[in-house]
């Protein structure tokens, strides 16, 4: 049950904050590049959030 919530949360963040749904191109390579960059941006944001969380507390 927690995994489903995590996936839905990450997908929502990628769509709203990082622009996953903003690609309007027509080619497979263009879509693939867009999704790859959004995924890298999401990984970066996640790592930043983890490194900035106060000691002794779990990140949200």
N, C-alpha and C. Protein backbone atom coordinates (compact mmCIF):
# COMPACT_ATOMS: atom_id res chain seq x y z
N UNK A 1 0.83 -1.19 0.00
CA UNK A 1 0.00 0.00 0.00
C UNK A 1 0.87 1.26 0.00
N UNK A 2 1.99 1.24 0.71
CA UNK A 2 2.86 2.42 0.75
C UNK A 2 3.54 2.65 -0.60
N UNK A 3 3.85 1.57 -1.31
CA UNK A 3 4.51 1.70 -2.60
C UNK A 3 3.59 2.39 -3.60
N UNK A 4 2.32 2.02 -3.60
CA UNK A 4 1.37 2.66 -4.52
C UNK A 4 1.29 4.16 -4.23
N UNK A 5 1.23 4.54 -2.96
CA UNK A 5 1.17 5.96 -2.61
C UNK A 5 2.42 6.68 -3.09
N UNK A 6 3.59 6.06 -2.91
CA UNK A 6 4.85 6.67 -3.32
C UNK A 6 4.86 6.89 -4.84
N UNK A 7 4.42 5.89 -5.58
CA UNK A 7 4.40 6.00 -7.04
C UNK A 7 3.45 7.12 -7.47
N UNK A 8 2.26 7.17 -6.90
CA UNK A 8 1.30 8.21 -7.24
C UNK A 8 1.82 9.59 -6.87
N UNK A 9 2.47 9.70 -5.73
CA UNK A 9 3.04 10.98 -5.29
C UNK A 9 4.13 11.44 -6.26
N UNK A 10 5.04 10.53 -6.60
CA UNK A 10 6.13 10.89 -7.51
C UNK A 10 5.60 11.26 -8.89
N UNK A 11 4.62 10.51 -9.39
CA UNK A 11 4.05 10.80 -10.70
C UNK A 11 3.39 12.18 -10.70
N UNK A 12 2.65 12.50 -9.64
CA UNK A 12 1.99 13.80 -9.52
C UNK A 12 3.04 14.91 -9.49
N UNK A 13 4.12 14.70 -8.74
CA UNK A 13 5.18 15.71 -8.67
C UNK A 13 5.84 15.90 -10.04
N UNK A 14 6.08 14.80 -10.74
CA UNK A 14 6.71 14.89 -12.06
C UNK A 14 5.79 15.61 -13.05
N UNK A 15 4.50 15.40 -12.95
CA UNK A 15 3.56 16.06 -13.85
C UNK A 15 3.41 17.54 -13.52
N UNK A 16 3.21 17.86 -12.26
CA UNK A 16 2.89 19.24 -11.88
C UNK A 16 4.12 20.13 -11.76
N UNK A 17 5.12 19.67 -11.05
CA UNK A 17 6.27 20.53 -10.75
C UNK A 17 7.35 20.48 -11.83
N UNK A 18 7.49 19.33 -12.49
CA UNK A 18 8.62 19.16 -13.40
C UNK A 18 8.23 19.11 -14.88
N UNK A 19 6.94 19.18 -15.18
CA UNK A 19 6.51 19.31 -16.57
C UNK A 19 6.45 18.03 -17.38
N UNK A 20 6.19 16.91 -16.75
CA UNK A 20 6.12 15.64 -17.49
C UNK A 20 5.06 15.69 -18.58
N UNK A 21 3.94 16.32 -18.34
CA UNK A 21 2.84 16.34 -19.31
C UNK A 21 2.93 17.49 -20.31
N UNK A 22 4.01 18.26 -20.30
CA UNK A 22 4.10 19.43 -21.17
C UNK A 22 4.66 19.15 -22.55
N UNK A 23 5.06 17.93 -22.84
CA UNK A 23 5.64 17.64 -24.15
C UNK A 23 4.53 17.55 -25.18
N UNK A 24 4.68 18.30 -26.28
CA UNK A 24 3.69 18.27 -27.35
C UNK A 24 4.32 17.94 -28.69
N UNK A 25 5.46 17.30 -28.67
CA UNK A 25 6.14 16.95 -29.91
C UNK A 25 5.53 15.73 -30.57
N UNK A 26 6.10 15.35 -31.69
CA UNK A 26 5.54 14.26 -32.47
C UNK A 26 6.46 13.05 -32.59
N UNK A 27 7.69 13.18 -32.18
CA UNK A 27 8.63 12.08 -32.43
C UNK A 27 8.91 11.29 -31.16
N UNK A 28 9.23 10.02 -31.37
CA UNK A 28 9.62 9.15 -30.25
C UNK A 28 10.90 9.66 -29.59
N UNK A 29 11.95 9.99 -30.35
CA UNK A 29 13.17 10.48 -29.69
C UNK A 29 12.92 11.75 -28.87
N UNK A 30 12.09 12.65 -29.38
CA UNK A 30 11.79 13.87 -28.64
C UNK A 30 11.08 13.57 -27.33
N UNK A 31 10.09 12.69 -27.38
CA UNK A 31 9.37 12.30 -26.16
C UNK A 31 10.31 11.62 -25.18
N UNK A 32 11.17 10.74 -25.71
CA UNK A 32 12.10 10.00 -24.86
C UNK A 32 13.07 10.95 -24.17
N UNK A 33 13.58 11.93 -24.90
CA UNK A 33 14.49 12.91 -24.30
C UNK A 33 13.78 13.72 -23.21
N UNK A 34 12.55 14.11 -23.48
CA UNK A 34 11.79 14.89 -22.50
C UNK A 34 11.57 14.09 -21.21
N UNK A 35 11.14 12.85 -21.35
CA UNK A 35 10.88 12.00 -20.17
C UNK A 35 12.18 11.73 -19.42
N UNK A 36 13.27 11.55 -20.15
CA UNK A 36 14.57 11.31 -19.50
C UNK A 36 14.99 12.53 -18.68
N UNK A 37 14.85 13.72 -19.24
CA UNK A 37 15.23 14.93 -18.50
C UNK A 37 14.34 15.16 -17.29
N UNK A 38 13.05 14.90 -17.42
CA UNK A 38 12.15 15.04 -16.28
C UNK A 38 12.54 14.04 -15.19
N UNK A 39 12.90 12.82 -15.58
CA UNK A 39 13.30 11.81 -14.60
C UNK A 39 14.58 12.21 -13.88
N UNK A 40 15.53 12.76 -14.61
CA UNK A 40 16.78 13.22 -13.99
C UNK A 40 16.50 14.39 -13.04
N UNK A 41 15.63 15.30 -13.45
CA UNK A 41 15.27 16.42 -12.57
C UNK A 41 14.59 15.91 -11.31
N UNK A 42 13.74 14.91 -11.44
CA UNK A 42 13.06 14.34 -10.27
C UNK A 42 14.07 13.69 -9.34
N UNK A 43 15.03 12.95 -9.89
CA UNK A 43 16.06 12.33 -9.06
C UNK A 43 16.88 13.39 -8.33
N UNK A 44 17.23 14.47 -9.02
CA UNK A 44 17.98 15.55 -8.39
C UNK A 44 17.19 16.18 -7.25
N UNK A 45 15.92 16.48 -7.48
CA UNK A 45 15.08 17.08 -6.43
C UNK A 45 14.95 16.15 -5.23
N UNK A 46 14.80 14.87 -5.50
CA UNK A 46 14.69 13.89 -4.42
C UNK A 46 15.97 13.84 -3.60
N UNK A 47 17.11 13.82 -4.26
CA UNK A 47 18.39 13.80 -3.54
C UNK A 47 18.59 15.08 -2.74
N UNK A 48 18.22 16.22 -3.30
CA UNK A 48 18.33 17.48 -2.56
C UNK A 48 17.44 17.46 -1.32
N UNK A 49 16.25 16.94 -1.47
CA UNK A 49 15.32 16.87 -0.34
C UNK A 49 15.88 15.96 0.75
N UNK A 50 16.50 14.85 0.36
CA UNK A 50 17.05 13.92 1.34
C UNK A 50 18.26 14.49 2.06
N UNK A 51 19.12 15.22 1.35
CA UNK A 51 20.32 15.76 1.98
C UNK A 51 20.01 16.99 2.83
N UNK A 52 18.92 17.67 2.59
CA UNK A 52 18.57 18.87 3.36
C UNK A 52 17.66 18.58 4.54
N UNK A 53 17.18 17.34 4.68
CA UNK A 53 16.28 17.05 5.80
C UNK A 53 17.08 17.08 7.11
N UNK A 54 16.47 17.59 8.17
CA UNK A 54 17.16 17.67 9.46
C UNK A 54 17.58 16.29 9.97
N UNK A 55 18.67 16.25 10.67
CA UNK A 55 19.17 14.98 11.22
C UNK A 55 18.16 14.40 12.20
N UNK A 56 18.00 13.09 12.12
CA UNK A 56 17.12 12.40 13.05
C UNK A 56 15.66 12.38 12.65
N UNK A 57 15.33 13.00 11.51
CA UNK A 57 13.94 12.95 11.05
C UNK A 57 13.89 12.28 9.69
N UNK A 58 12.83 11.58 9.45
CA UNK A 58 12.66 10.92 8.17
C UNK A 58 12.09 11.92 7.16
N UNK A 59 12.59 11.88 5.92
CA UNK A 59 12.04 12.78 4.91
C UNK A 59 10.62 12.38 4.56
N UNK A 60 9.82 13.35 4.20
CA UNK A 60 8.41 13.08 3.86
C UNK A 60 8.29 12.47 2.49
